[in-house]
Amino acid sequence: VQRSKTLYAVEALEAKGYAPSVPVAPELPATLLTLQGVYGPEYWITFANFAVITHYNRSPLYAMAVTQLAAAIQRAAAVSSVRPGSAP
């Protein structure tokens, strides 16, 4: 795990070739996190909420697990809120 301690504006990370997976404000401060994935390094752009999680447990892997769990819960909630015959 490699975590940059430097804060960058998202647009500065984009200029270096890193792109967020969702639209975010270009001036939003962010850091770059590198994790070892199954197929090689994974690069994650992290924001203040990620730093808040690491105040409880300093492990970036723990914070990543919390982040991914929250995303999975959000996706499941979106799917379960769509009922047959209703518009999403």
C-alpha atoms as a PDB file:
ATOM      1  CA  VAL A   1       0.000   0.000   0.000  1.00  0.00           C
ATOM      2  CA  GLN A   2       1.329   3.365  -0.976  1.00  0.00           C
ATOM      3  CA  ARG A   3      -0.514   6.506   0.017  1.00  0.00           C
ATOM      4  CA  SER A   4       0.445   9.977  -1.029  1.00  0.00           C
ATOM      5  CA  LYS A   5       0.412  12.446   1.841  1.00  0.00           C
ATOM      6  CA  THR A   6       0.195  15.282  -0.659  1.00  0.00           C
ATOM      7  CA  LEU A   7      -3.161  16.851  -1.430  1.00  0.00           C
ATOM      8  CA  TYR A   8      -3.768  17.523  -5.105  1.00  0.00           C
ATOM      9  CA  ALA A   9      -6.692  19.134  -6.867  1.00  0.00           C
ATOM     10  CA  VAL A  10      -8.524  16.450  -8.870  1.00  0.00           C
ATOM     11  CA  GLU A  11      -7.659  18.362 -12.049  1.00  0.00           C
ATOM     12  CA  ALA A  12      -3.930  18.023 -11.207  1.00  0.00           C
ATOM     13  CA  LEU A  13      -4.328  14.246 -10.875  1.00  0.00           C
ATOM     14  CA  GLU A  14      -6.222  14.178 -14.178  1.00  0.00           C
ATOM     15  CA  ALA A  15      -3.330  16.076 -15.786  1.00  0.00           C
ATOM     16  CA  LYS A  16      -1.020  13.266 -14.579  1.00  0.00           C
ATOM     17  CA  GLY A  17      -3.279  10.645 -16.189  1.00  0.00           C
ATOM     18  CA  TYR A  18      -5.449   9.598 -13.233  1.00  0.00           C
ATOM     19  CA  ALA A  19      -9.199   9.917 -13.784  1.00  0.00           C
ATOM     20  CA  PRO A  20     -11.936   9.560 -11.172  1.00  0.00           C
ATOM     21  CA  SER A  21     -14.553   6.903 -11.935  1.00  0.00           C
ATOM     22  CA  VAL A  22     -17.371   9.344 -11.160  1.00  0.00           C
ATOM     23  CA  PRO A  23     -17.693  13.068 -11.901  1.00  0.00           C
ATOM     24  CA  VAL A  24     -16.255  15.273  -9.158  1.00  0.00           C
ATOM     25  CA  ALA A  25     -15.417  18.960  -8.912  1.00  0.00           C
ATOM     26  CA  PRO A  26     -12.006  19.565 -10.530  1.00  0.00           C
ATOM     27  CA  GLU A  27     -10.821  21.725  -7.624  1.00  0.00           C
ATOM     28  CA  LEU A  28     -11.711  19.105  -4.967  1.00  0.00           C
ATOM     29  CA  PRO A  29      -8.636  18.174  -2.869  1.00  0.00           C
ATOM     30  CA  ALA A  30      -7.642  14.522  -3.154  1.00  0.00           C
ATOM     31  CA  THR A  31      -4.794  12.106  -2.518  1.00  0.00           C
ATOM     32  CA  LEU A  32      -3.614   9.127  -4.520  1.00  0.00           C
ATOM     33  CA  LEU A  33      -3.638   5.622  -3.028  1.00  0.00           C
ATOM     34  CA  THR A  34      -1.908   2.650  -4.657  1.00  0.00           C
ATOM     35  CA  LEU A  35      -3.051  -0.849  -3.666  1.00  0.00           C
ATOM     36  CA  GLN A  36      -1.823  -4.192  -4.944  1.00  0.00           C
ATOM     37  CA  GLY A  37      -4.708  -5.755  -6.858  1.00  0.00           C
ATOM     38  CA  VAL A  38      -5.075  -9.262  -8.257  1.00  0.00           C
ATOM     39  CA  TYR A  39      -3.813  -8.121 -11.665  1.00  0.00           C
ATOM     40  CA  GLY A  40      -1.282  -5.532 -10.510  1.00  0.00           C
ATOM     41  CA  PRO A  41      -1.385  -2.099  -8.925  1.00  0.00           C
ATOM     42  CA  GLU A  42      -4.722  -0.318  -8.510  1.00  0.00           C
ATOM     43  CA  TYR A  43      -4.767   3.465  -8.265  1.00  0.00           C
ATOM     44  CA  TRP A  44      -7.496   5.109  -6.202  1.00  0.00           C
ATOM     45  CA  ILE A  45      -8.243   8.797  -5.847  1.00  0.00           C
ATOM     46  CA  THR A  46      -9.319   9.381  -2.247  1.00  0.00           C
ATOM     47  CA  PHE A  47     -11.020  12.328  -0.601  1.00  0.00           C
ATOM     48  CA  ALA A  48     -11.561  13.724   2.906  1.00  0.00           C
ATOM     49  CA  ASN A  49     -14.060  10.998   3.839  1.00  0.00           C
ATOM     50  CA  PHE A  50     -11.344   8.369   3.274  1.00  0.00           C
ATOM     51  CA  ALA A  51      -9.019  10.263   5.625  1.00  0.00           C
ATOM     52  CA  VAL A  52     -11.794  10.421   8.248  1.00  0.00           C
ATOM     53  CA  ILE A  53     -12.139   6.623   8.151  1.00  0.00           C
ATOM     54  CA  THR A  54      -8.396   6.225   8.790  1.00  0.00           C
ATOM     55  CA  HIS A  55      -8.661   8.289  11.984  1.00  0.00           C
ATOM     56  CA  TYR A  56     -10.439   5.295  13.545  1.00  0.00           C
ATOM     57  CA  ASN A  57      -8.141   2.655  12.061  1.00  0.00           C
ATOM     58  CA  ARG A  58      -4.973   3.864  10.329  1.00  0.00           C
ATOM     59  CA  SER A  59      -4.891   1.003   7.828  1.00  0.00           C
ATOM     60  CA  PRO A  60      -5.625   2.114   4.247  1.00  0.00           C
ATOM     61  CA  LEU A  61      -6.824  -1.451   3.577  1.00  0.00           C
ATOM     62  CA  TYR A  62      -9.438  -1.096   6.334  1.00  0.00           C
ATOM     63  CA  ALA A  63     -10.570   2.246   4.934  1.00  0.00           C
ATOM     64  CA  MET A  64     -10.775   0.732   1.448  1.00  0.00           C
ATOM     65  CA  ALA A  65     -12.915  -2.142   2.745  1.00  0.00           C
ATOM     66  CA  VAL A  66     -15.281   0.340   4.435  1.00  0.00           C
ATOM     67  CA  THR A  67     -15.451   2.391   1.222  1.00  0.00           C
ATOM     68  CA  GLN A  68     -16.205  -0.635  -0.956  1.00  0.00           C
ATOM     69  CA  LEU A  69     -18.788  -1.965   1.514  1.00  0.00           C
ATOM     70  CA  ALA A  70     -20.567   1.407   1.536  1.00  0.00           C
ATOM     71  CA  ALA A  71     -20.640   1.426  -2.282  1.00  0.00           C
ATOM     72  CA  ALA A  72     -22.073  -2.117  -2.364  1.00  0.00           C
ATOM     73  CA  ILE A  73     -24.782  -1.178   0.151  1.00  0.00           C
ATOM     74  CA  GLN A  74     -25.647   1.909  -1.888  1.00  0.00           C
ATOM     75  CA  ARG A  75     -25.938  -0.167  -5.101  1.00  0.00           C
ATOM     76  CA  ALA A  76     -28.102  -2.783  -3.359  1.00  0.00           C
ATOM     77  CA  ALA A  77     -30.382  -0.093  -1.928  1.00  0.00           C
ATOM     78  CA  ALA A  78     -30.816   1.452  -5.386  1.00  0.00           C
ATOM     79  CA  VAL A  79     -31.730  -1.924  -6.890  1.00  0.00           C
ATOM     80  CA  SER A  80     -34.151  -2.847  -4.094  1.00  0.00           C
ATOM     81  CA  SER A  81     -35.953   0.512  -4.313  1.00  0.00           C
ATOM     82  CA  VAL A  82     -37.051  -0.206  -7.904  1.00  0.00           C
ATOM     83  CA  ARG A  83     -40.336  -2.120  -7.920  1.00  0.00           C
ATOM     84  CA  PRO A  84     -41.797  -3.907 -10.932  1.00  0.00           C
ATOM     85  CA  GLY A  85     -43.903  -1.518 -12.972  1.00  0.00           C
ATOM     86  CA  SER A  86     -42.307   1.593 -11.485  1.00  0.00           C
ATOM     87  CA  ALA A  87     -39.821   3.896 -13.153  1.00  0.00           C
ATOM     88  CA  PRO A  88     -36.300   3.844 -11.665  1.00  0.00           C
END
